[in-house]
Amino acid sequence: MLVTAAPGHRVPMAGEPRKYIEPAPGEPVEVPDNSYYQRRLISGELVEVEPSNAKQSGAKPAAKRGAK
């Protein structure tokens, strides 16, 4: 799902607490539909973005975690 942070919020990425989802005019970020992000949506910290709106602004995919 595509999300952006609500105005006045910076939301840490799941599993990467030093990387943040920024509010608009920041780029929407593709994140997995899991309980961490669902809780942030319910609390109002994140806002889901329609895919058609994101294509116009050039959404970035979420960081992929690989073996370290």
PDB file of N, CA and C in Angstrom:
ATOM      1  N   MET A   1       0.838  -1.171   0.000  1.00  0.00           N
ATOM      2  CA  MET A   1       0.000   0.000   0.000  1.00  0.00           C
ATOM      3  C   MET A   1       0.884   1.235   0.000  1.00  0.00           C
ATOM      4  N   LEU A   2       0.397   2.291  -0.581  1.00  0.00           N
ATOM      5  CA  LEU A   2       1.132   3.550  -0.648  1.00  0.00           C
ATOM      6  C   LEU A   2       0.687   4.461   0.481  1.00  0.00           C
ATOM      7  N   VAL A   3       1.647   5.003   1.201  1.00  0.00           N
ATOM      8  CA  VAL A   3       1.328   5.867   2.329  1.00  0.00           C
ATOM      9  C   VAL A   3       2.252   7.077   2.359  1.00  0.00           C
ATOM     10  N   THR A   4       1.805   8.085   3.063  1.00  0.00           N
ATOM     11  CA  THR A   4       2.617   9.234   3.401  1.00  0.00           C
ATOM     12  C   THR A   4       2.265   9.583   4.847  1.00  0.00           C
ATOM     13  N   ALA A   5       3.143  10.254   5.539  1.00  0.00           N
ATOM     14  CA  ALA A   5       2.861  10.632   6.919  1.00  0.00           C
ATOM     15  C   ALA A   5       1.849  11.771   6.945  1.00  0.00           C
ATOM     16  N   ALA A   6       1.033  11.786   7.984  1.00  0.00           N
ATOM     17  CA  ALA A   6       0.081  12.878   8.166  1.00  0.00           C
ATOM     18  C   ALA A   6       0.852  14.157   8.477  1.00  0.00           C
ATOM     19  N   PRO A   7       0.281  15.313   8.183  1.00  0.00           N
ATOM     20  CA  PRO A   7       0.963  16.574   8.493  1.00  0.00           C
ATOM     21  C   PRO A   7       1.394  16.630   9.961  1.00  0.00           C
ATOM     22  N   GLY A   8       2.640  17.016  10.174  1.00  0.00           N
ATOM     23  CA  GLY A   8       3.175  17.124  11.532  1.00  0.00           C
ATOM     24  C   GLY A   8       3.753  15.838  12.096  1.00  0.00           C
ATOM     25  N   HIS A   9       3.774  14.767  11.294  1.00  0.00           N
ATOM     26  CA  HIS A   9       4.290  13.471  11.760  1.00  0.00           C
ATOM     27  C   HIS A   9       5.452  13.002  10.901  1.00  0.00           C
ATOM     28  N   ARG A  10       6.363  12.286  11.519  1.00  0.00           N
ATOM     29  CA  ARG A  10       7.400  11.508  10.830  1.00  0.00           C
ATOM     30  C   ARG A  10       7.267  10.107  11.405  1.00  0.00           C
ATOM     31  N   VAL A  11       7.017   9.127  10.579  1.00  0.00           N
ATOM     32  CA  VAL A  11       6.751   7.766  11.037  1.00  0.00           C
ATOM     33  C   VAL A  11       7.933   6.869  10.699  1.00  0.00           C
ATOM     34  N   PRO A  12       8.521   6.206  11.709  1.00  0.00           N
ATOM     35  CA  PRO A  12       9.637   5.297  11.428  1.00  0.00           C
ATOM     36  C   PRO A  12       9.191   4.104  10.584  1.00  0.00           C
ATOM     37  N   MET A  13      10.063   3.671   9.699  1.00  0.00           N
ATOM     38  CA  MET A  13       9.801   2.470   8.910  1.00  0.00           C
ATOM     39  C   MET A  13       9.882   1.259   9.841  1.00  0.00           C
ATOM     40  N   ALA A  14       9.068   0.253   9.582  1.00  0.00           N
ATOM     41  CA  ALA A  14       9.103  -0.972  10.381  1.00  0.00           C
ATOM     42  C   ALA A  14      10.454  -1.642  10.196  1.00  0.00           C
ATOM     43  N   GLY A  15      11.126  -1.956  11.289  1.00  0.00           N
ATOM     44  CA  GLY A  15      12.414  -2.640  11.236  1.00  0.00           C
ATOM     45  C   GLY A  15      13.581  -1.729  10.909  1.00  0.00           C
ATOM     46  N   GLU A  16      13.316  -0.458  10.620  1.00  0.00           N
ATOM     47  CA  GLU A  16      14.374   0.505  10.304  1.00  0.00           C
ATOM     48  C   GLU A  16      14.067   1.820  11.018  1.00  0.00           C
ATOM     49  N   PRO A  17      14.250   1.872  12.330  1.00  0.00           N
ATOM     50  CA  PRO A  17      13.809   3.025  13.118  1.00  0.00           C
ATOM     51  C   PRO A  17      14.494   4.342  12.798  1.00  0.00           C
ATOM     52  N   ARG A  18      15.557   4.324  12.004  1.00  0.00           N
ATOM     53  CA  ARG A  18      16.226   5.579  11.640  1.00  0.00           C
ATOM     54  C   ARG A  18      15.838   6.075  10.250  1.00  0.00           C
ATOM     55  N   LYS A  19      14.939   5.351   9.586  1.00  0.00           N
ATOM     56  CA  LYS A  19      14.400   5.782   8.297  1.00  0.00           C
ATOM     57  C   LYS A  19      12.939   6.153   8.524  1.00  0.00           C
ATOM     58  N   TYR A  20      12.534   7.291   7.953  1.00  0.00           N
ATOM     59  CA  TYR A  20      11.198   7.804   8.225  1.00  0.00           C
ATOM     60  C   TYR A  20      10.370   7.978   6.970  1.00  0.00           C
ATOM     61  N   ILE A  21       9.058   7.849   7.155  1.00  0.00           N
ATOM     62  CA  ILE A  21       8.085   8.230   6.145  1.00  0.00           C
ATOM     63  C   ILE A  21       7.740   9.676   6.472  1.00  0.00           C
ATOM     64  N   GLU A  22       7.942  10.554   5.506  1.00  0.00           N
ATOM     65  CA  GLU A  22       7.747  11.987   5.713  1.00  0.00           C
ATOM     66  C   GLU A  22       6.355  12.415   5.251  1.00  0.00           C
ATOM     67  N   PRO A  23       5.859  13.529   5.803  1.00  0.00           N
ATOM     68  CA  PRO A  23       4.559  14.049   5.338  1.00  0.00           C
ATOM     69  C   PRO A  23       4.687  14.702   3.968  1.00  0.00           C
ATOM     70  N   ALA A  24       3.554  14.959   3.329  1.00  0.00           N
ATOM     71  CA  ALA A  24       3.556  15.679   2.053  1.00  0.00           C
ATOM     72  C   ALA A  24       4.179  17.041   2.281  1.00  0.00           C
ATOM     73  N   PRO A  25       4.975  17.525   1.418  1.00  0.00           N
ATOM     74  CA  PRO A  25       5.148  17.135   0.027  1.00  0.00           C
ATOM     75  C   PRO A  25       6.150  16.014  -0.180  1.00  0.00           C
ATOM     76  N   GLY A  26       6.498  15.277   0.866  1.00  0.00           N
ATOM     77  CA  GLY A  26       7.391  14.129   0.714  1.00  0.00           C
ATOM     78  C   GLY A  26       6.763  13.081  -0.188  1.00  0.00           C
ATOM     79  N   GLU A  27       7.602  12.243  -0.754  1.00  0.00           N
ATOM     80  CA  GLU A  27       7.144  11.205  -1.675  1.00  0.00           C
ATOM     81  C   GLU A  27       6.372  10.114  -0.935  1.00  0.00           C
ATOM     82  N   PRO A  28       5.267   9.618  -1.509  1.00  0.00           N
ATOM     83  CA  PRO A  28       4.600   8.448  -0.939  1.00  0.00           C
ATOM     84  C   PRO A  28       5.537   7.239  -0.986  1.00  0.00           C
ATOM     85  N   VAL A  29       5.370   6.333  -0.043  1.00  0.00           N
ATOM     86  CA  VAL A  29       6.239   5.165   0.071  1.00  0.00           C
ATOM     87  C   VAL A  29       5.381   3.904   0.018  1.00  0.00           C
ATOM     88  N   GLU A  30       5.840   2.909  -0.733  1.00  0.00           N
ATOM     89  CA  GLU A  30       5.164   1.608  -0.794  1.00  0.00           C
ATOM     90  C   GLU A  30       5.587   0.799   0.423  1.00  0.00           C
ATOM     91  N   VAL A  31       4.609   0.378   1.250  1.00  0.00           N
ATOM     92  CA  VAL A  31       4.891  -0.409   2.446  1.00  0.00           C
ATOM     93  C   VAL A  31       4.005  -1.653   2.449  1.00  0.00           C
ATOM     94  N   PRO A  32       4.414  -2.702   3.163  1.00  0.00           N
ATOM     95  CA  PRO A  32       3.572  -3.896   3.241  1.00  0.00           C
ATOM     96  C   PRO A  32       2.313  -3.621   4.066  1.00  0.00           C
ATOM     97  N   ASP A  33       1.260  -4.324   3.747  1.00  0.00           N
ATOM     98  CA  ASP A  33       0.001  -4.198   4.482  1.00  0.00           C
ATOM     99  C   ASP A  33       0.076  -5.109   5.706  1.00  0.00           C
ATOM    100  N   ASN A  34       0.731  -4.615   6.773  1.00  0.00           N
ATOM    101  CA  ASN A  34       0.874  -5.426   7.980  1.00  0.00           C
ATOM    102  C   ASN A  34       0.366  -4.655   9.189  1.00  0.00           C
ATOM    103  N   SER A  35       0.399  -5.276  10.354  1.00  0.00           N
ATOM    104  CA  SER A  35      -0.187  -4.672  11.553  1.00  0.00           C
ATOM    105  C   SER A  35       0.520  -3.392  11.972  1.00  0.00           C
ATOM    106  N   TYR A  36       1.832  -3.267  11.766  1.00  0.00           N
ATOM    107  CA  TYR A  36       2.556  -2.060  12.149  1.00  0.00           C
ATOM    108  C   TYR A  36       1.990  -0.850  11.410  1.00  0.00           C
ATOM    109  N   TYR A  37       1.884  -0.962  10.093  1.00  0.00           N
ATOM    110  CA  TYR A  37       1.397   0.166   9.301  1.00  0.00           C
ATOM    111  C   TYR A  37      -0.110   0.359   9.461  1.00  0.00           C
ATOM    112  N   GLN A  38      -0.868  -0.714   9.664  1.00  0.00           N
ATOM    113  CA  GLN A  38      -2.302  -0.582   9.905  1.00  0.00           C
ATOM    114  C   GLN A  38      -2.567   0.202  11.192  1.00  0.00           C
ATOM    115  N   ARG A  39      -1.775  -0.053  12.243  1.00  0.00           N
ATOM    116  CA  ARG A  39      -1.938   0.705  13.498  1.00  0.00           C
ATOM    117  C   ARG A  39      -1.640   2.180  13.270  1.00  0.00           C
ATOM    118  N   ARG A  40      -0.631   2.476  12.463  1.00  0.00           N
ATOM    119  CA  ARG A  40      -0.286   3.876  12.183  1.00  0.00           C
ATOM    120  C   ARG A  40      -1.379   4.561  11.372  1.00  0.00           C
ATOM    121  N   LEU A  41      -2.036   3.815  10.466  1.00  0.00           N
ATOM    122  CA  LEU A  41      -3.163   4.367   9.712  1.00  0.00           C
ATOM    123  C   LEU A  41      -4.334   4.669  10.642  1.00  0.00           C
ATOM    124  N   ILE A  42      -4.654   3.727  11.524  1.00  0.00           N
ATOM    125  CA  ILE A  42      -5.770   3.898  12.448  1.00  0.00           C
ATOM    126  C   ILE A  42      -5.528   5.063  13.402  1.00  0.00           C
ATOM    127  N   SER A  43      -4.283   5.230  13.850  1.00  0.00           N
ATOM    128  CA  SER A  43      -3.970   6.308  14.788  1.00  0.00           C
ATOM    129  C   SER A  43      -3.933   7.677  14.112  1.00  0.00           C
ATOM    130  N   GLY A  44      -3.898   7.691  12.779  1.00  0.00           N
ATOM    131  CA  GLY A  44      -3.872   8.950  12.048  1.00  0.00           C
ATOM    132  C   GLY A  44      -2.472   9.451  11.743  1.00  0.00           C
ATOM    133  N   GLU A  45      -1.435   8.662  12.077  1.00  0.00           N
ATOM    134  CA  GLU A  45      -0.062   9.064  11.773  1.00  0.00           C
ATOM    135  C   GLU A  45       0.264   8.913  10.294  1.00  0.00           C
ATOM    136  N   LEU A  46      -0.358   7.931   9.638  1.00  0.00           N
ATOM    137  CA  LEU A  46      -0.153   7.702   8.207  1.00  0.00           C
ATOM    138  C   LEU A  46      -1.455   7.949   7.454  1.00  0.00           C
ATOM    139  N   VAL A  47      -1.305   8.316   6.187  1.00  0.00           N
ATOM    140  CA  VAL A  47      -2.435   8.519   5.296  1.00  0.00           C
ATOM    141  C   VAL A  47      -2.191   7.667   4.063  1.00  0.00           C
ATOM    142  N   GLU A  48      -3.184   6.856   3.688  1.00  0.00           N
ATOM    143  CA  GLU A  48      -3.042   6.044   2.477  1.00  0.00           C
ATOM    144  C   GLU A  48      -3.227   6.933   1.250  1.00  0.00           C
ATOM    145  N   VAL A  49      -2.393   6.701   0.241  1.00  0.00           N
ATOM    146  CA  VAL A  49      -2.405   7.497  -0.985  1.00  0.00           C
ATOM    147  C   VAL A  49      -2.939   6.627  -2.107  1.00  0.00           C
ATOM    148  N   GLU A  50      -3.798   7.196  -2.930  1.00  0.00           N
ATOM    149  CA  GLU A  50      -4.319   6.466  -4.088  1.00  0.00           C
ATOM    150  C   GLU A  50      -3.194   6.257  -5.103  1.00  0.00           C
ATOM    151  N   PRO A  51      -3.081   5.071  -5.690  1.00  0.00           N
ATOM    152  CA  PRO A  51      -2.011   4.813  -6.661  1.00  0.00           C
ATOM    153  C   PRO A  51      -2.005   5.788  -7.830  1.00  0.00           C
ATOM    154  N   SER A  52      -3.155   6.228  -8.304  1.00  0.00           N
ATOM    155  CA  SER A  52      -3.182   7.162  -9.435  1.00  0.00           C
ATOM    156  C   SER A  52      -2.556   8.498  -9.053  1.00  0.00           C
ATOM    157  N   ASN A  53      -2.735   8.940  -7.808  1.00  0.00           N
ATOM    158  CA  ASN A  53      -2.116  10.183  -7.336  1.00  0.00           C
ATOM    159  C   ASN A  53      -0.613  10.009  -7.183  1.00  0.00           C
ATOM    160  N   ALA A  54      -0.177   8.837  -6.779  1.00  0.00           N
ATOM    161  CA  ALA A  54       1.241   8.579  -6.536  1.00  0.00           C
ATOM    162  C   ALA A  54       2.032   8.570  -7.841  1.00  0.00           C
ATOM    163  N   LYS A  55       1.435   8.080  -8.928  1.00  0.00           N
ATOM    164  CA  LYS A  55       2.153   8.039 -10.200  1.00  0.00           C
ATOM    165  C   LYS A  55       2.514   9.437 -10.661  1.00  0.00           C
ATOM    166  N   GLN A  56       1.654  10.381 -10.370  1.00  0.00           N
ATOM    167  CA  GLN A  56       1.936  11.752 -10.761  1.00  0.00           C
ATOM    168  C   GLN A  56       3.104  12.319  -9.974  1.00  0.00           C
ATOM    169  N   SER A  57       3.247  11.894  -8.694  1.00  0.00           N
ATOM    170  CA  SER A  57       4.316  12.449  -7.863  1.00  0.00           C
ATOM    171  C   SER A  57       5.562  11.561  -7.843  1.00  0.00           C
ATOM    172  N   GLY A  58       5.509  10.367  -8.468  1.00  0.00           N
ATOM    173  CA  GLY A  58       6.687   9.502  -8.532  1.00  0.00           C
ATOM    174  C   GLY A  58       6.978   8.793  -7.224  1.00  0.00           C
ATOM    175  N   ALA A  59       6.088   7.912  -6.768  1.00  0.00           N
ATOM    176  CA  ALA A  59       6.257   7.215  -5.498  1.00  0.00           C
ATOM    177  C   ALA A  59       7.517   6.371  -5.480  1.00  0.00           C
ATOM    178  N   LYS A  60       8.139   6.312  -4.318  1.00  0.00           N
ATOM    179  CA  LYS A  60       9.348   5.495  -4.138  1.00  0.00           C
ATOM    180  C   LYS A  60       8.955   4.160  -3.515  1.00  0.00           C
ATOM    181  N   PRO A  61       9.548   3.058  -3.926  1.00  0.00           N
ATOM    182  CA  PRO A  61       9.284   1.792  -3.258  1.00  0.00           C
ATOM    183  C   PRO A  61       9.951   1.788  -1.879  1.00  0.00           C
ATOM    184  N   ALA A  62       9.389   0.998  -0.989  1.00  0.00           N
ATOM    185  CA  ALA A  62       9.977   0.873   0.340  1.00  0.00           C
ATOM    186  C   ALA A  62      11.337   0.203   0.240  1.00  0.00           C
ATOM    187  N   ALA A  63      12.184   0.486   1.200  1.00  0.00           N
ATOM    188  CA  ALA A  63      13.512  -0.126   1.224  1.00  0.00           C
ATOM    189  C   ALA A  63      13.349  -1.624   1.405  1.00  0.00           C
ATOM    190  N   LYS A  64      14.100  -2.378   0.638  1.00  0.00           N
ATOM    191  CA  LYS A  64      14.044  -3.829   0.748  1.00  0.00           C
ATOM    192  C   LYS A  64      15.114  -4.312   1.704  1.00  0.00           C
ATOM    193  N   ARG A  65      14.714  -5.230   2.574  1.00  0.00           N
ATOM    194  CA  ARG A  65      15.686  -5.767   3.531  1.00  0.00           C
ATOM    195  C   ARG A  65      16.294  -7.025   2.946  1.00  0.00           C
ATOM    196  N   GLY A  66      17.591  -7.101   2.964  1.00  0.00           N
ATOM    197  CA  GLY A  66      18.291  -8.260   2.452  1.00  0.00           C
ATOM    198  C   GLY A  66      19.164  -8.882   3.520  1.00  0.00           C
ATOM    199  N   ALA A  67      19.797  -9.980   3.200  1.00  0.00           N
ATOM    200  CA  ALA A  67      20.698 -10.644   4.133  1.00  0.00           C
ATOM    201  C   ALA A  67      21.896  -9.740   4.388  1.00  0.00           C
ATOM    202  N   LYS A  68      22.317  -9.704   5.617  1.00  0.00           N
ATOM    203  CA  LYS A  68      23.474  -8.869   5.969  1.00  0.00           C
ATOM    204  C   LYS A  68      24.661  -9.719   6.305  1.00  0.00           C
TER     205      LYS A  68
END
